[in-house]
Each structure stands twice: as structure tokens, then as C-alpha cells.
């Protein structure tokens, strides 16, 4: 039909196509060549070739690349975990060192405070003793003055008592007593 002249009209071409289609349907053809048994052997061959090519590509190219990426990722994760653990261990050691330094500083501060308290207490006790000595000296001096004043007053008491007694006796009796009588009377009263 292809050998016919090109002077055919579109109606002639369509009638030829319809005639070819009817002829193929009459011979048992369904119109889809991939479903015909005569073409299956070639299709299965191509399927096997494509399967082998895809298998080789996956097994030799894609799977190794994927495995390499996964291994690198696993190595990166393991390295990061190991680094994190070492940093964590180092941080724990630093925390312990800082805790020990803080405890040492607290102990030093307590010792310094205790030493300062002891020094201040000693200074206070020394000042207290010095002040007590000064006060004691002043008290002793005051007591000595008081004793001297008392002794002087007591010496005058006898004179005052003698004068008072003499004045009373003279007023009551009208006559003045003698010094011996007054002395005996005052000594007897004391």
C-alpha cells in the first residue's frame, strides 16, 4: 500500500487504514503488539537485559556509594559521641576540681576567720586586762583616798564627839567636864 502513488486523497488513506485494521483483527491480532505471543520472546530478553544492567548498576555503583555515605555518617556519629563523652568526662573532672577548690577556699576562709577571731579575742582580752588594771589601780587609789579621808574623819570624830559631849554635859549640868572624864566616856561608848 505504501507503493501506491502519493496522489491519494485523505478519504482513500483512511479507508486503507480501516481495511488494514479489519484484516489484522480477522487474523487474531488484538491491536497491541506487546500482548501478542510472537513478540514475548524479545520482550523477555529485553527485560532480562534491563534487569541485569539495573542489578549491576545498583550492586556496583549505587549500593557502594550509599554504604559509603552510611559508613561515613556512622563514623561521624561515633566520633561525635566519643567527643561528647570525653568533653563530658573533662567537664566532670573540672566540676570536681572546682568543687575541691571551693571547699579548700571555704576551709581557708574558716581558718582565717577563726584566726582573726582568736586574734581579736586576744587583743580584746589584753585591752580588757589593761583596762581592768587601770581601773583596779584607780579603785585602789580611790580606796586609799577614801581610807585616808575616813581615817582623818575618824580622827576628827573623836574630837567632834569630845566637843559635842562636853557641850551637852555643860548645857545639861551647867558645868564643863574634865578631859579625863570625856576621854573615859567616849572610849566606853566606842
Protein backbone atom coordinates (compact mmCIF):
# COMPACT_ATOMS: atom_id res chain seq x y z
CA UNK A 1 0.00 0.00 0.00
CA UNK A 2 2.92 2.28 0.62
CA UNK A 3 3.91 1.72 -3.00
CA UNK A 4 0.77 3.46 -4.20
CA UNK A 5 1.05 6.90 -5.60
CA UNK A 6 1.02 9.94 -3.41
CA UNK A 7 -1.96 11.30 -5.21
CA UNK A 8 -4.32 9.62 -2.81
CA UNK A 9 -6.94 11.64 -1.06
CA UNK A 10 -7.42 11.61 2.66
CA UNK A 11 -10.54 9.52 2.22
CA UNK A 12 -8.52 6.89 0.39
CA UNK A 13 -5.89 6.78 3.16
CA UNK A 14 -8.43 6.39 5.91
CA UNK A 15 -10.22 3.64 4.08
CA UNK A 16 -6.88 1.83 3.66
CA UNK A 17 -6.11 2.10 7.38
CA UNK A 18 -9.55 0.80 8.24
CA UNK A 19 -9.06 -2.08 5.88
CA UNK A 20 -5.68 -2.95 7.45
CA UNK A 21 -7.17 -2.86 10.90
CA UNK A 22 -10.00 -5.17 9.88
CA UNK A 23 -7.52 -7.52 8.30
CA UNK A 24 -5.40 -7.70 11.44
CA UNK A 25 -8.46 -8.29 13.61
CA UNK A 26 -9.52 -11.11 11.38
CA UNK A 27 -6.17 -12.81 11.79
CA UNK A 28 -6.48 -12.88 15.62
CA UNK A 29 -4.46 -9.76 16.42
CA UNK A 30 -5.76 -7.59 19.27
CA UNK A 31 -4.11 -4.44 18.08
CA UNK A 32 -1.50 -4.29 20.89
CA UNK A 33 1.74 -5.92 19.74
CA UNK A 34 3.12 -6.34 23.26
CA UNK A 35 0.27 -8.72 24.05
CA UNK A 36 0.88 -10.95 21.07
CA UNK A 37 2.81 -14.17 21.75
CA UNK A 38 5.12 -13.72 18.84
CA UNK A 39 6.65 -10.62 20.48
CA UNK A 40 7.05 -12.04 24.01
CA UNK A 41 10.45 -13.61 23.48
CA UNK A 42 12.01 -10.27 22.53
CA UNK A 43 10.27 -8.52 25.42
CA UNK A 44 11.52 -11.11 27.92
CA UNK A 45 15.05 -10.77 26.51
CA UNK A 46 14.94 -7.00 26.89
CA UNK A 47 13.50 -7.40 30.39
CA UNK A 48 16.39 -9.70 31.39
CA UNK A 49 18.97 -7.35 29.87
CA UNK A 50 17.47 -4.33 31.68
CA UNK A 51 17.26 -6.31 34.93
CA UNK A 52 20.93 -7.33 34.70
CA UNK A 53 22.01 -3.76 33.82
CA UNK A 54 19.99 -2.32 36.74
CA UNK A 55 21.28 -5.01 39.11
CA UNK A 56 24.88 -4.33 38.13
CA UNK A 57 24.36 -0.55 38.48
CA UNK A 58 22.78 -0.94 41.91
CA UNK A 59 25.26 -3.56 43.15
CA UNK A 60 28.42 -1.91 41.79
CA UNK A 61 27.62 1.83 41.82
CA UNK A 62 24.68 2.92 43.92
CA UNK A 63 24.88 0.46 46.85
CA UNK A 64 28.62 1.08 47.50
CA UNK A 65 28.05 4.84 47.38
CA UNK A 66 25.09 4.51 49.72
CA UNK A 67 27.08 2.21 52.03
CA UNK A 68 29.99 4.68 51.98
CA UNK A 69 27.67 7.55 52.92
CA UNK A 70 26.08 5.47 55.68
CA UNK A 71 29.50 4.39 56.99
CA UNK A 72 30.75 7.98 56.97
CA UNK A 73 27.63 9.07 58.78
CA UNK A 74 28.02 6.29 61.37
CA UNK A 75 31.70 7.24 61.81
CA UNK A 76 30.76 10.90 62.21
CA UNK A 77 28.12 10.00 64.79
CA UNK A 78 30.52 7.70 66.66
CA UNK A 79 33.21 10.39 66.61
CA UNK A 80 30.74 12.99 67.86
CA UNK A 81 29.55 10.66 70.63
CA UNK A 82 33.14 9.90 71.65
CA UNK A 83 33.99 13.61 71.63
CA UNK A 84 30.88 14.36 73.68
CA UNK A 85 31.78 11.68 76.20
CA UNK A 86 35.34 12.98 76.50
CA UNK A 87 34.06 16.53 76.90
CA UNK A 88 31.57 15.30 79.48
CA UNK A 89 34.33 13.47 81.36
CA UNK A 90 36.55 16.56 81.20
CA UNK A 91 33.67 18.74 82.39
CA UNK A 92 33.00 16.35 85.29
CA UNK A 93 36.69 16.50 86.22
CA UNK A 94 36.62 20.29 86.05
CA UNK A 95 33.48 20.34 88.21
CA UNK A 96 35.20 18.13 90.79
CA UNK A 97 38.31 20.34 90.69
CA UNK A 98 36.17 23.46 91.10
CA UNK A 99 34.26 21.82 93.94
CA UNK A 100 37.54 20.90 95.63
CA UNK A 101 38.83 24.47 95.16
CA UNK A 102 35.62 25.87 96.64
CA UNK A 103 35.86 23.53 99.62
CA UNK A 104 39.54 24.49 100.09
CA UNK A 105 38.64 28.18 99.84
CA UNK A 106 35.84 27.69 102.39
CA UNK A 107 38.22 25.86 104.73
CA UNK A 108 40.83 28.62 104.28
CA UNK A 109 38.17 31.24 104.92
CA UNK A 110 37.01 29.42 108.05
CA UNK A 111 40.62 29.15 109.26
CA UNK A 112 41.26 32.81 108.51
CA UNK A 113 38.04 33.79 110.28
CA UNK A 114 38.94 31.63 113.28
CA UNK A 115 42.46 33.12 113.39
CA UNK A 116 41.05 36.64 113.11
CA UNK A 117 38.51 35.88 115.83
CA UNK A 118 41.25 34.46 118.07
CA UNK A 119 43.47 37.49 117.39
CA UNK A 120 40.62 39.89 118.09
CA UNK A 121 39.70 37.95 121.23
CA UNK A 122 43.33 38.07 122.42
CA UNK A 123 43.52 41.78 121.69
CA UNK A 124 40.22 42.31 123.49
CA UNK A 125 41.35 40.27 126.47
CA UNK A 126 44.66 42.18 126.56
CA UNK A 127 42.83 45.51 126.40
CA UNK A 128 40.35 44.27 128.98
CA UNK A 129 43.18 43.20 131.28
CA UNK A 130 44.95 46.54 130.75
CA UNK A 131 41.71 48.44 131.33
CA UNK A 132 40.97 46.30 134.38
CA UNK A 133 44.47 47.01 135.68
CA UNK A 134 43.97 50.75 135.14
CA UNK A 135 40.53 50.61 136.74
CA UNK A 136 41.89 48.45 139.56
CA UNK A 137 44.69 50.97 140.13
CA UNK A 138 42.19 53.81 140.12
CA UNK A 139 39.93 51.89 142.52
CA UNK A 140 42.88 51.16 144.80
CA UNK A 141 43.91 54.80 144.65
CA UNK A 142 40.32 55.88 145.35
CA UNK A 143 40.05 53.37 148.20
CA UNK A 144 43.33 54.68 149.62
CA UNK A 145 42.00 58.23 149.40
CA UNK A 146 38.72 57.10 150.95
CA UNK A 147 40.61 55.29 153.74
CA UNK A 148 42.77 58.35 154.35
CA UNK A 149 39.72 60.56 154.36
CA UNK A 150 37.90 58.10 156.60
CA UNK A 151 40.88 57.85 158.96
CA UNK A 152 41.12 61.63 159.01
CA UNK A 153 37.40 61.84 159.57
CA UNK A 154 37.59 59.20 162.26
CA UNK A 155 40.37 61.15 163.94
CA UNK A 156 38.18 64.18 163.87
CA UNK A 157 35.17 62.18 165.08
CA UNK A 158 36.82 61.71 168.44
CA UNK A 159 37.48 65.40 168.65
CA UNK A 160 33.98 66.23 167.48
CA UNK A 161 32.46 63.69 169.84
CA UNK A 162 34.50 65.07 172.70
CA UNK A 163 33.45 68.63 171.86
CA UNK A 164 29.81 67.62 171.41
CA UNK A 165 29.78 65.62 174.61
CA UNK A 166 31.40 68.47 176.51
CA UNK A 167 28.86 70.92 175.14
CA UNK A 168 25.92 68.68 176.03
CA UNK A 169 27.16 67.95 179.51
CA UNK A 170 27.81 71.62 180.08
CA UNK A 171 24.42 72.57 178.93
CA UNK A 172 22.67 69.91 180.89
CA UNK A 173 24.68 70.25 184.05
CA UNK A 174 25.88 73.74 183.73
CA UNK A 175 29.50 72.83 184.27
CA UNK A 176 32.13 71.62 181.81
CA UNK A 177 33.50 68.08 182.23
CA UNK A 178 37.18 67.39 182.52
CA UNK A 179 39.25 65.97 179.64
CA UNK A 180 39.80 62.67 181.51
CA UNK A 181 36.08 62.24 182.08
CA UNK A 182 35.33 62.97 178.48
CA UNK A 183 38.02 60.59 177.24
CA UNK A 184 36.74 57.79 179.52
CA UNK A 185 33.15 58.39 178.42
CA UNK A 186 33.97 58.35 174.72
CA UNK A 187 36.17 55.23 175.00
CA UNK A 188 33.40 53.47 176.90
CA UNK A 189 30.85 54.35 174.22
CA UNK A 190 33.07 53.15 171.41
